[in-house]
Structures are given as C-alpha cells and as structure tokens.
Amino acid sequence: MLTNKPGIELAKEIVRVEKKKEELIKQSKLNFKVYTKRKKGIVVRSVCCVCECEVETEKYNSLEIAQYKAASLTLGGKRVNEFDVCERCLSEC
C-alpha cells in the first residue's frame, strides 16, 4: 500500500497551526486589537505614536475572519505598528 507521507505530515502541521490560532483567539492573546463595526470584523494594524488613534485597519466580512487573520499575523511574529503618526498629529507639528 502506498502512502503520501509528506502530504500526511503537511496535513498534520496545518491542523496544528489551526488549533494554535483557535487557542490564541480563545485566550485573547492576539498581538492586534480586533473588533466589529457595522457587522464587519476590523483588525488594527497600526496606531499613532502620539495620540494612539488607529492609523491603519483591515476590514473583513466577519469578526471570526478578522480574528483568524490577527491570529495568523500573531503566529507569524507580527505586531501592531506603533510608530506611525496620524495626519492630525502631523498637521499640528
């Protein structure tokens, strides 16, 4: 009987990563703020280093999709960019 060992190992790794994402979401250990607005899921990618307002966000069709995106970014070692400056703060300089 032939088996596809690399394929089986890849499937196991995918399941492991998906479980890790679910664990991060459940334990609220995401590196990003995630919330809903007008029935869309929002992931905050960067904040102003002066006033802490949201500079860059990503919008998804649901909170669950946004949470999984934030979990993927977190697992990849990404963090919220805290070094941007918003237009309002720039104009005040």
C-alpha atoms as a PDB file:
ATOM      1  CA  MET A   1       0.000   0.000   0.000  1.00  0.00           C
ATOM      2  CA  LEU A   2       1.382   3.403  -0.997  1.00  0.00           C
ATOM      3  CA  THR A   3       1.083   6.365   1.350  1.00  0.00           C
ATOM      4  CA  ASN A   4       1.804  10.006   0.816  1.00  0.00           C
ATOM      5  CA  LYS A   5       3.912  10.679   3.945  1.00  0.00           C
ATOM      6  CA  PRO A   6       4.821  14.281   3.035  1.00  0.00           C
ATOM      7  CA  GLY A   7       1.135  15.027   2.430  1.00  0.00           C
ATOM      8  CA  ILE A   8       0.118  13.448   5.720  1.00  0.00           C
ATOM      9  CA  GLU A   9       2.776  15.427   7.599  1.00  0.00           C
ATOM     10  CA  LEU A  10       1.657  18.636   5.899  1.00  0.00           C
ATOM     11  CA  ALA A  11      -1.973  17.965   6.869  1.00  0.00           C
ATOM     12  CA  LYS A  12      -0.916  17.351  10.488  1.00  0.00           C
ATOM     13  CA  GLU A  13       1.008  20.648  10.514  1.00  0.00           C
ATOM     14  CA  ILE A  14      -1.981  22.533   9.093  1.00  0.00           C
ATOM     15  CA  VAL A  15      -4.219  21.097  11.822  1.00  0.00           C
ATOM     16  CA  ARG A  16      -1.623  22.030  14.466  1.00  0.00           C
ATOM     17  CA  VAL A  17      -1.437  25.629  13.207  1.00  0.00           C
ATOM     18  CA  GLU A  18      -5.232  25.962  13.043  1.00  0.00           C
ATOM     19  CA  LYS A  19      -5.537  24.715  16.627  1.00  0.00           C
ATOM     20  CA  LYS A  20      -2.883  27.216  17.718  1.00  0.00           C
ATOM     21  CA  LYS A  21      -4.858  30.043  16.041  1.00  0.00           C
ATOM     22  CA  GLU A  22      -8.044  28.945  17.822  1.00  0.00           C
ATOM     23  CA  GLU A  23      -6.145  28.842  21.130  1.00  0.00           C
ATOM     24  CA  LEU A  24      -4.774  32.369  20.623  1.00  0.00           C
ATOM     25  CA  ILE A  25      -8.271  33.670  19.854  1.00  0.00           C
ATOM     26  CA  LYS A  26      -9.881  31.862  22.780  1.00  0.00           C
ATOM     27  CA  GLN A  27      -7.229  33.098  25.230  1.00  0.00           C
ATOM     28  CA  SER A  28      -7.273  36.651  23.793  1.00  0.00           C
ATOM     29  CA  LYS A  29      -3.524  36.522  23.150  1.00  0.00           C
ATOM     30  CA  LEU A  30      -3.577  38.268  19.785  1.00  0.00           C
ATOM     31  CA  ASN A  31      -0.995  40.977  19.066  1.00  0.00           C
ATOM     32  CA  PHE A  32      -3.722  43.059  17.418  1.00  0.00           C
ATOM     33  CA  LYS A  33      -6.925  44.739  18.515  1.00  0.00           C
ATOM     34  CA  VAL A  34      -9.899  43.089  16.790  1.00  0.00           C
ATOM     35  CA  TYR A  35     -13.485  44.355  16.944  1.00  0.00           C
ATOM     36  CA  THR A  36     -16.699  44.654  14.927  1.00  0.00           C
ATOM     37  CA  LYS A  37     -18.063  47.752  13.260  1.00  0.00           C
ATOM     38  CA  ARG A  38     -21.150  47.754  11.040  1.00  0.00           C
ATOM     39  CA  LYS A  39     -21.152  43.940  11.000  1.00  0.00           C
ATOM     40  CA  LYS A  40     -17.554  43.821   9.701  1.00  0.00           C
ATOM     41  CA  GLY A  41     -14.501  42.493  11.529  1.00  0.00           C
ATOM     42  CA  ILE A  42     -11.722  45.044  11.996  1.00  0.00           C
ATOM     43  CA  VAL A  43      -8.027  44.353  12.680  1.00  0.00           C
ATOM     44  CA  VAL A  44      -5.972  47.339  13.844  1.00  0.00           C
ATOM     45  CA  ARG A  45      -2.577  47.141  12.101  1.00  0.00           C
ATOM     46  CA  SER A  46      -1.034  50.439  13.249  1.00  0.00           C
ATOM     47  CA  VAL A  47      -1.679  53.192  15.774  1.00  0.00           C
ATOM     48  CA  CYS A  48      -0.437  56.765  16.079  1.00  0.00           C
ATOM     49  CA  CYS A  49       2.566  57.006  18.400  1.00  0.00           C
ATOM     50  CA  VAL A  50       1.404  60.458  19.551  1.00  0.00           C
ATOM     51  CA  CYS A  51      -2.354  60.200  20.196  1.00  0.00           C
ATOM     52  CA  GLU A  52      -2.790  56.390  19.900  1.00  0.00           C
ATOM     53  CA  CYS A  53      -5.620  56.629  17.343  1.00  0.00           C
ATOM     54  CA  GLU A  54      -5.981  53.918  14.689  1.00  0.00           C
ATOM     55  CA  VAL A  55      -3.887  54.778  11.636  1.00  0.00           C
ATOM     56  CA  GLU A  56      -4.269  51.587   9.605  1.00  0.00           C
ATOM     57  CA  THR A  57      -7.020  48.968   9.840  1.00  0.00           C
ATOM     58  CA  GLU A  58      -8.096  45.992   7.757  1.00  0.00           C
ATOM     59  CA  LYS A  59     -11.778  45.177   7.250  1.00  0.00           C
ATOM     60  CA  TYR A  60     -13.154  41.631   6.888  1.00  0.00           C
ATOM     61  CA  ASN A  61     -16.629  40.222   6.305  1.00  0.00           C
ATOM     62  CA  SER A  62     -16.944  38.927   9.875  1.00  0.00           C
ATOM     63  CA  LEU A  63     -15.359  39.098  13.306  1.00  0.00           C
ATOM     64  CA  GLU A  64     -14.316  35.457  13.017  1.00  0.00           C
ATOM     65  CA  ILE A  65     -12.364  36.073   9.805  1.00  0.00           C
ATOM     66  CA  ALA A  66     -10.694  39.117  11.382  1.00  0.00           C
ATOM     67  CA  GLN A  67      -9.745  37.071  14.437  1.00  0.00           C
ATOM     68  CA  TYR A  68      -8.195  34.345  12.278  1.00  0.00           C
ATOM     69  CA  LYS A  69      -6.252  36.960  10.306  1.00  0.00           C
ATOM     70  CA  ALA A  70      -4.977  38.503  13.547  1.00  0.00           C
ATOM     71  CA  ALA A  71      -4.072  35.029  14.839  1.00  0.00           C
ATOM     72  CA  SER A  72      -2.147  34.279  11.629  1.00  0.00           C
ATOM     73  CA  LEU A  73      -0.251  37.545  11.932  1.00  0.00           C
ATOM     74  CA  THR A  74       0.460  36.866  15.605  1.00  0.00           C
ATOM     75  CA  LEU A  75       1.781  33.376  14.852  1.00  0.00           C
ATOM     76  CA  GLY A  76       3.989  34.919  12.172  1.00  0.00           C
ATOM     77  CA  GLY A  77       5.564  37.172  14.788  1.00  0.00           C
ATOM     78  CA  LYS A  78       3.849  40.355  13.588  1.00  0.00           C
ATOM     79  CA  ARG A  79       2.827  43.132  15.961  1.00  0.00           C
ATOM     80  CA  VAL A  80       0.838  46.355  15.775  1.00  0.00           C
ATOM     81  CA  ASN A  81       2.948  49.122  14.255  1.00  0.00           C
ATOM     82  CA  GLU A  82       3.163  51.752  17.000  1.00  0.00           C
ATOM     83  CA  PHE A  83       5.472  54.140  15.143  1.00  0.00           C
ATOM     84  CA  ASP A  84       3.078  55.751  12.662  1.00  0.00           C
ATOM     85  CA  VAL A  85       1.839  59.322  13.080  1.00  0.00           C
ATOM     86  CA  CYS A  86      -1.717  60.229  12.070  1.00  0.00           C
ATOM     87  CA  GLU A  87      -2.463  63.160   9.762  1.00  0.00           C
ATOM     88  CA  ARG A  88      -3.941  65.245  12.591  1.00  0.00           C
ATOM     89  CA  CYS A  89      -0.796  64.939  14.684  1.00  0.00           C
ATOM     90  CA  LEU A  90       1.389  65.625  11.635  1.00  0.00           C
ATOM     91  CA  SER A  91      -0.516  68.801  10.891  1.00  0.00           C
ATOM     92  CA  GLU A  92      -0.022  70.025  14.464  1.00  0.00           C
ATOM     93  CA  CYS A  93       3.777  69.747  14.225  1.00  0.00           C
END
